[in-house]
N, C-alpha and C. Protein backbone atom coordinates (compact mmCIF):
# COMPACT_ATOMS: atom_id res chain seq x y z
N MET A 1 -0.42 -4.19 -21.78
CA MET A 1 0.20 -3.72 -20.58
C MET A 1 -0.52 -4.41 -19.27
N ASN A 2 -1.76 -4.52 -19.35
CA ASN A 2 -2.48 -5.10 -18.20
C ASN A 2 -2.04 -6.56 -17.85
N ASP A 3 -1.83 -7.31 -19.14
CA ASP A 3 -1.40 -8.62 -18.89
C ASP A 3 0.04 -8.69 -18.31
N ASN A 4 0.91 -7.76 -18.73
CA ASN A 4 2.18 -7.73 -18.09
C ASN A 4 2.20 -7.41 -16.62
N ARG A 5 1.24 -6.52 -16.18
CA ARG A 5 1.27 -6.08 -14.83
C ARG A 5 0.78 -7.44 -14.06
N GLU A 6 -0.19 -8.19 -14.58
CA GLU A 6 -0.71 -9.36 -13.98
C GLU A 6 0.33 -10.33 -13.86
N ARG A 7 1.14 -10.45 -14.75
CA ARG A 7 2.23 -11.38 -14.78
C ARG A 7 3.20 -11.10 -13.64
N VAL A 8 3.51 -9.79 -13.54
CA VAL A 8 4.48 -9.42 -12.42
C VAL A 8 3.86 -9.67 -11.11
N PHE A 9 2.64 -9.41 -10.97
CA PHE A 9 2.03 -9.66 -9.70
C PHE A 9 2.04 -11.16 -9.31
N VAL A 10 1.79 -12.00 -10.24
CA VAL A 10 1.86 -13.39 -9.95
C VAL A 10 3.23 -13.88 -9.65
N PHE A 11 4.28 -13.26 -10.22
CA PHE A 11 5.67 -13.50 -9.93
C PHE A 11 5.99 -13.12 -8.60
N ASP A 12 5.48 -11.95 -8.27
CA ASP A 12 5.79 -11.34 -6.87
C ASP A 12 5.22 -12.29 -5.79
N VAL A 13 3.95 -12.76 -6.00
CA VAL A 13 3.29 -13.54 -4.97
C VAL A 13 4.01 -14.88 -4.91
N ALA A 14 4.47 -15.45 -6.12
CA ALA A 14 5.30 -16.68 -5.98
C ALA A 14 6.62 -16.55 -5.33
N CYS A 15 7.10 -15.36 -5.41
CA CYS A 15 8.43 -15.10 -4.78
C CYS A 15 8.36 -14.86 -3.34
N LEU A 16 7.24 -14.30 -2.88
CA LEU A 16 7.01 -14.06 -1.46
C LEU A 16 7.30 -15.18 -0.56
N PRO A 17 6.69 -16.39 -0.74
CA PRO A 17 6.94 -17.46 0.11
C PRO A 17 8.43 -17.97 0.21
N ILE A 18 9.03 -17.78 -1.01
CA ILE A 18 10.45 -18.14 -1.22
C ILE A 18 11.24 -17.31 -0.35
N HIS A 19 10.92 -16.00 -0.19
CA HIS A 19 11.77 -15.04 0.62
C HIS A 19 11.57 -15.37 2.09
N ILE A 20 10.32 -15.68 2.45
CA ILE A 20 10.04 -15.98 3.83
C ILE A 20 10.79 -17.28 4.25
N THR A 21 10.78 -18.31 3.39
CA THR A 21 11.42 -19.61 3.61
C THR A 21 12.99 -19.35 3.76
N THR A 22 13.50 -18.49 2.96
CA THR A 22 14.93 -18.17 3.05
C THR A 22 15.28 -17.43 4.34
N GLU A 23 14.40 -16.55 4.73
CA GLU A 23 14.66 -15.82 6.00
C GLU A 23 14.55 -16.86 7.12
N ALA A 24 13.58 -17.79 7.07
CA ALA A 24 13.38 -18.76 8.20
C ALA A 24 14.67 -19.56 8.41
N TYR A 25 15.24 -19.93 7.26
CA TYR A 25 16.47 -20.70 7.23
C TYR A 25 17.63 -19.87 7.67
């Protein structure tokens, strides 16, 4: 379960810049 939570956290952090870039455009 800990590994799954870490994986989701990494995915969220990777998606964060994408959302910011989309909003910028």
